[in-house]
Amino acid sequence: MRDYLTEKFGATVSLQEGTGGIFDVFIDQELRFSISKTGYFPTEEHLNELGV
């Protein structure tokens, strides 16, 4: 996931360990994807739609 985001968007990506299966994607400190809100893990298609 980190490599994909870095290659696709030239983003600086860091992974932070969480608890309870939380997976959130923030771009410029704005929440763009949350597994707790959607109920599923993002695919590359979902990541492409984040509007970076």
PDB file of N, CA and C in Angstrom:
ATOM      1  N   MET A   1       0.835  -1.184   0.000  1.00  0.00           N
ATOM      2  CA  MET A   1       0.000   0.000   0.000  1.00  0.00           C
ATOM      3  C   MET A   1       0.878   1.245   0.000  1.00  0.00           C
ATOM      4  N   ARG A   2       1.854   1.284   0.898  1.00  0.00           N
ATOM      5  CA  ARG A   2       2.733   2.462   0.973  1.00  0.00           C
ATOM      6  C   ARG A   2       3.454   2.673  -0.351  1.00  0.00           C
ATOM      7  N   ASP A   3       4.001   1.597  -0.923  1.00  0.00           N
ATOM      8  CA  ASP A   3       4.727   1.720  -2.189  1.00  0.00           C
ATOM      9  C   ASP A   3       3.809   2.193  -3.308  1.00  0.00           C
ATOM     10  N   TYR A   4       2.584   1.683  -3.338  1.00  0.00           N
ATOM     11  CA  TYR A   4       1.637   2.096  -4.376  1.00  0.00           C
ATOM     12  C   TYR A   4       1.353   3.586  -4.283  1.00  0.00           C
ATOM     13  N   LEU A   5       1.065   4.076  -3.092  1.00  0.00           N
ATOM     14  CA  LEU A   5       0.756   5.500  -2.926  1.00  0.00           C
ATOM     15  C   LEU A   5       1.956   6.378  -3.266  1.00  0.00           C
ATOM     16  N   THR A   6       3.130   5.925  -2.882  1.00  0.00           N
ATOM     17  CA  THR A   6       4.339   6.688  -3.179  1.00  0.00           C
ATOM     18  C   THR A   6       4.569   6.766  -4.678  1.00  0.00           C
ATOM     19  N   GLU A   7       4.452   5.636  -5.366  1.00  0.00           N
ATOM     20  CA  GLU A   7       4.680   5.605  -6.814  1.00  0.00           C
ATOM     21  C   GLU A   7       3.587   6.333  -7.581  1.00  0.00           C
ATOM     22  N   LYS A   8       2.352   6.118  -7.228  1.00  0.00           N
ATOM     23  CA  LYS A   8       1.214   6.684  -7.965  1.00  0.00           C
ATOM     24  C   LYS A   8       1.108   8.200  -7.798  1.00  0.00           C
ATOM     25  N   PHE A   9       1.292   8.684  -6.564  1.00  0.00           N
ATOM     26  CA  PHE A   9       1.023  10.084  -6.286  1.00  0.00           C
ATOM     27  C   PHE A   9       2.255  10.877  -5.876  1.00  0.00           C
ATOM     28  N   GLY A  10       3.402  10.198  -5.773  1.00  0.00           N
ATOM     29  CA  GLY A  10       4.594  10.891  -5.319  1.00  0.00           C
ATOM     30  C   GLY A  10       4.431  11.365  -3.884  1.00  0.00           C
ATOM     31  N   ALA A  11       3.636  10.633  -3.136  1.00  0.00           N
ATOM     32  CA  ALA A  11       3.307  11.020  -1.767  1.00  0.00           C
ATOM     33  C   ALA A  11       4.374  10.551  -0.795  1.00  0.00           C
ATOM     34  N   THR A  12       4.508  11.263   0.278  1.00  0.00           N
ATOM     35  CA  THR A  12       5.303  10.797   1.397  1.00  0.00           C
ATOM     36  C   THR A  12       4.342  10.047   2.309  1.00  0.00           C
ATOM     37  N   VAL A  13       4.588   8.776   2.489  1.00  0.00           N
ATOM     38  CA  VAL A  13       3.644   7.915   3.194  1.00  0.00           C
ATOM     39  C   VAL A  13       4.301   7.346   4.434  1.00  0.00           C
ATOM     40  N   SER A  14       3.580   7.405   5.526  1.00  0.00           N
ATOM     41  CA  SER A  14       4.039   6.735   6.742  1.00  0.00           C
ATOM     42  C   SER A  14       2.900   5.882   7.257  1.00  0.00           C
ATOM     43  N   LEU A  15       3.265   4.759   7.805  1.00  0.00           N
ATOM     44  CA  LEU A  15       2.273   3.853   8.374  1.00  0.00           C
ATOM     45  C   LEU A  15       2.344   3.949   9.885  1.00  0.00           C
ATOM     46  N   GLN A  16       1.188   4.047  10.487  1.00  0.00           N
ATOM     47  CA  GLN A  16       1.122   4.141  11.935  1.00  0.00           C
ATOM     48  C   GLN A  16       0.287   2.987  12.456  1.00  0.00           C
ATOM     49  N   GLU A  17       0.840   2.275  13.402  1.00  0.00           N
ATOM     50  CA  GLU A  17       0.130   1.147  13.974  1.00  0.00           C
ATOM     51  C   GLU A  17      -1.064   1.634  14.780  1.00  0.00           C
ATOM     52  N   GLY A  18      -2.175   0.970  14.571  1.00  0.00           N
ATOM     53  CA  GLY A  18      -3.384   1.304  15.312  1.00  0.00           C
ATOM     54  C   GLY A  18      -3.925   0.061  15.993  1.00  0.00           C
ATOM     55  N   THR A  19      -5.142   0.149  16.472  1.00  0.00           N
ATOM     56  CA  THR A  19      -5.779  -0.995  17.114  1.00  0.00           C
ATOM     57  C   THR A  19      -7.174  -1.183  16.542  1.00  0.00           C
ATOM     58  N   GLY A  20      -7.691  -2.363  16.679  1.00  0.00           N
ATOM     59  CA  GLY A  20      -9.068  -2.628  16.297  1.00  0.00           C
ATOM     60  C   GLY A  20      -9.321  -2.642  14.800  1.00  0.00           C
ATOM     61  N   GLY A  21      -8.298  -2.854  13.976  1.00  0.00           N
ATOM     62  CA  GLY A  21      -8.482  -2.938  12.539  1.00  0.00           C
ATOM     63  C   GLY A  21      -8.738  -1.612  11.852  1.00  0.00           C
ATOM     64  N   ILE A  22      -8.375  -0.520  12.501  1.00  0.00           N
ATOM     65  CA  ILE A  22      -8.583   0.800  11.908  1.00  0.00           C
ATOM     66  C   ILE A  22      -7.604   1.008  10.767  1.00  0.00           C
ATOM     67  N   PHE A  23      -8.098   1.511   9.658  1.00  0.00           N
ATOM     68  CA  PHE A  23      -7.256   1.857   8.523  1.00  0.00           C
ATOM     69  C   PHE A  23      -7.806   3.157   7.955  1.00  0.00           C
ATOM     70  N   ASP A  24      -7.080   4.227   8.124  1.00  0.00           N
ATOM     71  CA  ASP A  24      -7.499   5.540   7.630  1.00  0.00           C
ATOM     72  C   ASP A  24      -6.428   6.083   6.699  1.00  0.00           C
ATOM     73  N   VAL A  25      -6.858   6.768   5.666  1.00  0.00           N
ATOM     74  CA  VAL A  25      -5.937   7.428   4.743  1.00  0.00           C
ATOM     75  C   VAL A  25      -6.167   8.931   4.871  1.00  0.00           C
ATOM     76  N   PHE A  26      -5.127   9.638   5.261  1.00  0.00           N
ATOM     77  CA  PHE A  26      -5.165  11.093   5.359  1.00  0.00           C
ATOM     78  C   PHE A  26      -4.301  11.672   4.255  1.00  0.00           C
ATOM     79  N   ILE A  27      -4.779  12.713   3.615  1.00  0.00           N
ATOM     80  CA  ILE A  27      -4.003  13.448   2.622  1.00  0.00           C
ATOM     81  C   ILE A  27      -4.037  14.903   3.047  1.00  0.00           C
ATOM     82  N   ASP A  28      -2.835  15.466   3.239  1.00  0.00           N
ATOM     83  CA  ASP A  28      -2.737  16.839   3.733  1.00  0.00           C
ATOM     84  C   ASP A  28      -3.579  17.041   4.984  1.00  0.00           C
ATOM     85  N   GLN A  29      -3.493  16.081   5.880  1.00  0.00           N
ATOM     86  CA  GLN A  29      -4.185  16.101   7.169  1.00  0.00           C
ATOM     87  C   GLN A  29      -5.703  16.029   7.057  1.00  0.00           C
ATOM     88  N   GLU A  30      -6.211  15.665   5.894  1.00  0.00           N
ATOM     89  CA  GLU A  30      -7.656  15.512   5.691  1.00  0.00           C
ATOM     90  C   GLU A  30      -7.972  14.030   5.516  1.00  0.00           C
ATOM     91  N   LEU A  31      -8.927  13.510   6.287  1.00  0.00           N
ATOM     92  CA  LEU A  31      -9.329  12.119   6.176  1.00  0.00           C
ATOM     93  C   LEU A  31      -9.998  11.897   4.827  1.00  0.00           C
ATOM     94  N   ARG A  32      -9.421  10.992   4.022  1.00  0.00           N
ATOM     95  CA  ARG A  32      -9.972  10.709   2.697  1.00  0.00           C
ATOM     96  C   ARG A  32     -10.566   9.315   2.590  1.00  0.00           C
ATOM     97  N   PHE A  33     -10.148   8.411   3.478  1.00  0.00           N
ATOM     98  CA  PHE A  33     -10.709   7.061   3.462  1.00  0.00           C
ATOM     99  C   PHE A  33     -10.641   6.500   4.866  1.00  0.00           C
ATOM    100  N   SER A  34     -11.697   5.832   5.294  1.00  0.00           N
ATOM    101  CA  SER A  34     -11.725   5.222   6.617  1.00  0.00           C
ATOM    102  C   SER A  34     -12.438   3.879   6.535  1.00  0.00           C
ATOM    103  N   ILE A  35     -11.711   2.837   6.899  1.00  0.00           N
ATOM    104  CA  ILE A  35     -12.314   1.511   6.882  1.00  0.00           C
ATOM    105  C   ILE A  35     -13.471   1.432   7.883  1.00  0.00           C
ATOM    106  N   SER A  36     -13.382   2.188   8.977  1.00  0.00           N
ATOM    107  CA  SER A  36     -14.470   2.154   9.965  1.00  0.00           C
ATOM    108  C   SER A  36     -15.738   2.804   9.417  1.00  0.00           C
ATOM    109  N   LYS A  37     -15.602   3.689   8.457  1.00  0.00           N
ATOM    110  CA  LYS A  37     -16.790   4.326   7.861  1.00  0.00           C
ATOM    111  C   LYS A  37     -17.328   3.536   6.676  1.00  0.00           C
ATOM    112  N   THR A  38     -16.424   2.911   5.897  1.00  0.00           N
ATOM    113  CA  THR A  38     -16.859   2.196   4.697  1.00  0.00           C
ATOM    114  C   THR A  38     -17.136   0.731   4.946  1.00  0.00           C
ATOM    115  N   GLY A  39     -16.423   0.155   5.923  1.00  0.00           N
ATOM    116  CA  GLY A  39     -16.598  -1.257   6.212  1.00  0.00           C
ATOM    117  C   GLY A  39     -15.732  -2.171   5.367  1.00  0.00           C
ATOM    118  N   TYR A  40     -14.859  -1.606   4.534  1.00  0.00           N
ATOM    119  CA  TYR A  40     -13.992  -2.438   3.700  1.00  0.00           C
ATOM    120  C   TYR A  40     -12.621  -1.794   3.530  1.00  0.00           C
ATOM    121  N   PHE A  41     -11.646  -2.650   3.199  1.00  0.00           N
ATOM    122  CA  PHE A  41     -10.287  -2.202   2.949  1.00  0.00           C
ATOM    123  C   PHE A  41     -10.220  -1.643   1.532  1.00  0.00           C
ATOM    124  N   PRO A  42      -9.526  -0.529   1.301  1.00  0.00           N
ATOM    125  CA  PRO A  42      -9.517   0.079  -0.024  1.00  0.00           C
ATOM    126  C   PRO A  42      -8.714  -0.731  -1.039  1.00  0.00           C
ATOM    127  N   THR A  43      -9.215  -0.754  -2.252  1.00  0.00           N
ATOM    128  CA  THR A  43      -8.480  -1.342  -3.372  1.00  0.00           C
ATOM    129  C   THR A  43      -7.700  -0.222  -4.063  1.00  0.00           C
ATOM    130  N   GLU A  44      -6.877  -0.569  -5.035  1.00  0.00           N
ATOM    131  CA  GLU A  44      -6.164   0.464  -5.792  1.00  0.00           C
ATOM    132  C   GLU A  44      -7.157   1.397  -6.481  1.00  0.00           C
ATOM    133  N   GLU A  45      -8.289   0.874  -6.928  1.00  0.00           N
ATOM    134  CA  GLU A  45      -9.322   1.709  -7.551  1.00  0.00           C
ATOM    135  C   GLU A  45      -9.835   2.759  -6.572  1.00  0.00           C
ATOM    136  N   HIS A  46     -10.092   2.357  -5.345  1.00  0.00           N
ATOM    137  CA  HIS A  46     -10.555   3.309  -4.329  1.00  0.00           C
ATOM    138  C   HIS A  46      -9.492   4.370  -4.093  1.00  0.00           C
ATOM    139  N   LEU A  47      -8.240   3.957  -4.004  1.00  0.00           N
ATOM    140  CA  LEU A  47      -7.162   4.909  -3.776  1.00  0.00           C
ATOM    141  C   LEU A  47      -7.035   5.903  -4.934  1.00  0.00           C
ATOM    142  N   ASN A  48      -7.253   5.437  -6.148  1.00  0.00           N
ATOM    143  CA  ASN A  48      -7.195   6.314  -7.319  1.00  0.00           C
ATOM    144  C   ASN A  48      -8.272   7.386  -7.272  1.00  0.00           C
ATOM    145  N   GLU A  49      -9.374   7.095  -6.600  1.00  0.00           N
ATOM    146  CA  GLU A  49     -10.496   8.030  -6.521  1.00  0.00           C
ATOM    147  C   GLU A  49     -10.367   9.052  -5.388  1.00  0.00           C
ATOM    148  N   LEU A  50      -9.265   9.002  -4.660  1.00  0.00           N
ATOM    149  CA  LEU A  50      -9.113   9.911  -3.511  1.00  0.00           C
ATOM    150  C   LEU A  50      -8.876  11.358  -3.925  1.00  0.00           C
ATOM    151  N   GLY A  51      -8.593  11.573  -5.182  1.00  0.00           N
ATOM    152  CA  GLY A  51      -8.479  12.943  -5.657  1.00  0.00           C
ATOM    153  C   GLY A  51      -7.194  13.642  -5.269  1.00  0.00           C
ATOM    154  N   VAL A  52      -6.116  12.914  -5.332  1.00  0.00           N
ATOM    155  CA  VAL A  52      -4.828  13.510  -5.000  1.00  0.00           C
ATOM    156  C   VAL A  52      -4.328  14.300  -6.187  1.00  0.00           C
TER     157      VAL A  52
END
